[in-house]
PDB file of N, CA and C in Angstrom:
ATOM      1  N   ALA A   1     -21.416  -3.367   0.269  1.00  0.00           N
ATOM      2  CA  ALA A   1     -20.262  -4.268   0.442  1.00  0.00           C
ATOM      3  C   ALA A   1     -19.125  -3.853  -0.493  1.00  0.00           C
ATOM      4  N   ARG A   2     -19.467  -3.330  -1.663  1.00  0.00           N
ATOM      5  CA  ARG A   2     -18.416  -2.969  -2.616  1.00  0.00           C
ATOM      6  C   ARG A   2     -17.556  -1.839  -2.056  1.00  0.00           C
ATOM      7  N   GLN A   3     -18.180  -0.898  -1.350  1.00  0.00           N
ATOM      8  CA  GLN A   3     -17.407   0.221  -0.803  1.00  0.00           C
ATOM      9  C   GLN A   3     -16.344  -0.304   0.162  1.00  0.00           C
ATOM     10  N   ILE A   4     -16.714  -1.275   0.989  1.00  0.00           N
ATOM     11  CA  ILE A   4     -15.751  -1.824   1.957  1.00  0.00           C
ATOM     12  C   ILE A   4     -14.602  -2.484   1.198  1.00  0.00           C
ATOM     13  N   LEU A   5     -14.930  -3.226   0.155  1.00  0.00           N
ATOM     14  CA  LEU A   5     -13.885  -3.888  -0.630  1.00  0.00           C
ATOM     15  C   LEU A   5     -12.919  -2.860  -1.195  1.00  0.00           C
ATOM     16  N   GLU A   6     -13.454  -1.781  -1.748  1.00  0.00           N
ATOM     17  CA  GLU A   6     -12.588  -0.743  -2.321  1.00  0.00           C
ATOM     18  C   GLU A   6     -11.709  -0.127  -1.246  1.00  0.00           C
ATOM     19  N   MET A   7     -12.263   0.075  -0.046  1.00  0.00           N
ATOM     20  CA  MET A   7     -11.469   0.654   1.046  1.00  0.00           C
ATOM     21  C   MET A   7     -10.340  -0.295   1.430  1.00  0.00           C
ATOM     22  N   GLU A   8     -10.653  -1.588   1.537  1.00  0.00           N
ATOM     23  CA  GLU A   8      -9.626  -2.573   1.885  1.00  0.00           C
ATOM     24  C   GLU A   8      -8.539  -2.580   0.814  1.00  0.00           C
ATOM     25  N   PHE A   9      -8.939  -2.542  -0.451  1.00  0.00           N
ATOM     26  CA  PHE A   9      -7.978  -2.546  -1.548  1.00  0.00           C
ATOM     27  C   PHE A   9      -7.077  -1.320  -1.469  1.00  0.00           C
ATOM     28  N   ALA A  10      -7.673  -0.168  -1.162  1.00  0.00           N
ATOM     29  CA  ALA A  10      -6.897   1.068  -1.057  1.00  0.00           C
ATOM     30  C   ALA A  10      -5.890   0.944   0.075  1.00  0.00           C
ATOM     31  N   ASN A  11      -6.304   0.341   1.192  1.00  0.00           N
ATOM     32  CA  ASN A  11      -5.388   0.176   2.325  1.00  0.00           C
ATOM     33  C   ASN A  11      -4.225  -0.726   1.927  1.00  0.00           C
ATOM     34  N   LEU A  12      -4.516  -1.837   1.269  1.00  0.00           N
ATOM     35  CA  LEU A  12      -3.451  -2.744   0.838  1.00  0.00           C
ATOM     36  C   LEU A  12      -2.513  -2.020  -0.118  1.00  0.00           C
ATOM     37  N   LEU A  13      -3.078  -1.258  -1.040  1.00  0.00           N
ATOM     38  CA  LEU A  13      -2.269  -0.528  -2.011  1.00  0.00           C
ATOM     39  C   LEU A  13      -1.346   0.449  -1.287  1.00  0.00           C
ATOM     40  N   ALA A  14      -1.883   1.179  -0.316  1.00  0.00           N
ATOM     41  CA  ALA A  14      -1.079   2.151   0.430  1.00  0.00           C
ATOM     42  C   ALA A  14       0.038   1.425   1.173  1.00  0.00           C
ATOM     43  N   MET A  15      -0.281   0.306   1.797  1.00  0.00           N
ATOM     44  CA  MET A  15       0.740  -0.444   2.533  1.00  0.00           C
ATOM     45  C   MET A  15       1.832  -0.915   1.577  1.00  0.00           C
ATOM     46  N   GLY A  16       1.432  -1.395   0.411  1.00  0.00           N
ATOM     47  CA  GLY A  16       2.395  -1.885  -0.571  1.00  0.00           C
ATOM     48  C   GLY A  16       3.330  -0.774  -1.028  1.00  0.00           C
ATOM     49  N   THR A  17       2.782   0.406  -1.319  1.00  0.00           N
ATOM     50  CA  THR A  17       3.621   1.512  -1.780  1.00  0.00           C
ATOM     51  C   THR A  17       4.551   1.962  -0.663  1.00  0.00           C
ATOM     52  N   ASP A  18       4.058   1.965   0.574  1.00  0.00           N
ATOM     53  CA  ASP A  18       4.902   2.371   1.704  1.00  0.00           C
ATOM     54  C   ASP A  18       6.086   1.425   1.826  1.00  0.00           C
ATOM     55  N   ARG A  19       5.825   0.122   1.754  1.00  0.00           N
ATOM     56  CA  ARG A  19       6.895  -0.860   1.875  1.00  0.00           C
ATOM     57  C   ARG A  19       7.890  -0.671   0.730  1.00  0.00           C
ATOM     58  N   HIS A  20       7.388  -0.406  -0.451  1.00  0.00           N
ATOM     59  CA  HIS A  20       8.243  -0.202  -1.615  1.00  0.00           C
ATOM     60  C   HIS A  20       9.164   0.996  -1.391  1.00  0.00           C
ATOM     61  N   ALA A  21       8.610   2.079  -0.891  1.00  0.00           N
ATOM     62  CA  ALA A  21       9.390   3.298  -0.667  1.00  0.00           C
ATOM     63  C   ALA A  21      10.490   3.017   0.347  1.00  0.00           C
ATOM     64  N   GLU A  22      10.164   2.277   1.404  1.00  0.00           N
ATOM     65  CA  GLU A  22      11.174   1.982   2.429  1.00  0.00           C
ATOM     66  C   GLU A  22      12.320   1.183   1.823  1.00  0.00           C
ATOM     67  N   GLU A  23      11.993   0.182   1.010  1.00  0.00           N
ATOM     68  CA  GLU A  23      13.040  -0.634   0.396  1.00  0.00           C
ATOM     69  C   GLU A  23      13.937   0.224  -0.483  1.00  0.00           C
ATOM     70  N   ASN A  24      13.348   1.114  -1.264  1.00  0.00           N
ATOM     71  CA  ASN A  24      14.135   1.970  -2.152  1.00  0.00           C
ATOM     72  C   ASN A  24      15.043   2.886  -1.340  1.00  0.00           C
ATOM     73  N   THR A  25      14.550   3.405  -0.215  1.00  0.00           N
ATOM     74  CA  THR A  25      15.355   4.309   0.607  1.00  0.00           C
ATOM     75  C   THR A  25      16.547   3.558   1.192  1.00  0.00           C
ATOM     76  N   MET A  26      16.328   2.323   1.642  1.00  0.00           N
ATOM     77  CA  MET A  26      17.418   1.551   2.243  1.00  0.00           C
ATOM     78  C   MET A  26      18.485   1.238   1.192  1.00  0.00           C
ATOM     79  N   LYS A  27      18.076   0.972  -0.038  1.00  0.00           N
ATOM     80  CA  LYS A  27      19.030   0.641  -1.096  1.00  0.00           C
ATOM     81  C   LYS A  27      19.931   1.828  -1.405  1.00  0.00           C
ATOM     82  N   SER A  28      19.359   3.005  -1.457  1.00  0.00           N
ATOM     83  CA  SER A  28      20.131   4.204  -1.844  1.00  0.00           C
ATOM     84  C   SER A  28      21.344   4.366  -0.949  1.00  0.00           C
TER      85      SER A  28
END
C-alpha cells in the first residue's frame, strides 16, 4: 500500500510543478 501512496504523491507533485511552470510562463 505504501508504494501506491508514494506513486500518488509523485503524481500530485508533478501536477503541482506543471501548474506552477504554466503560471510563471504566462506572467513573463
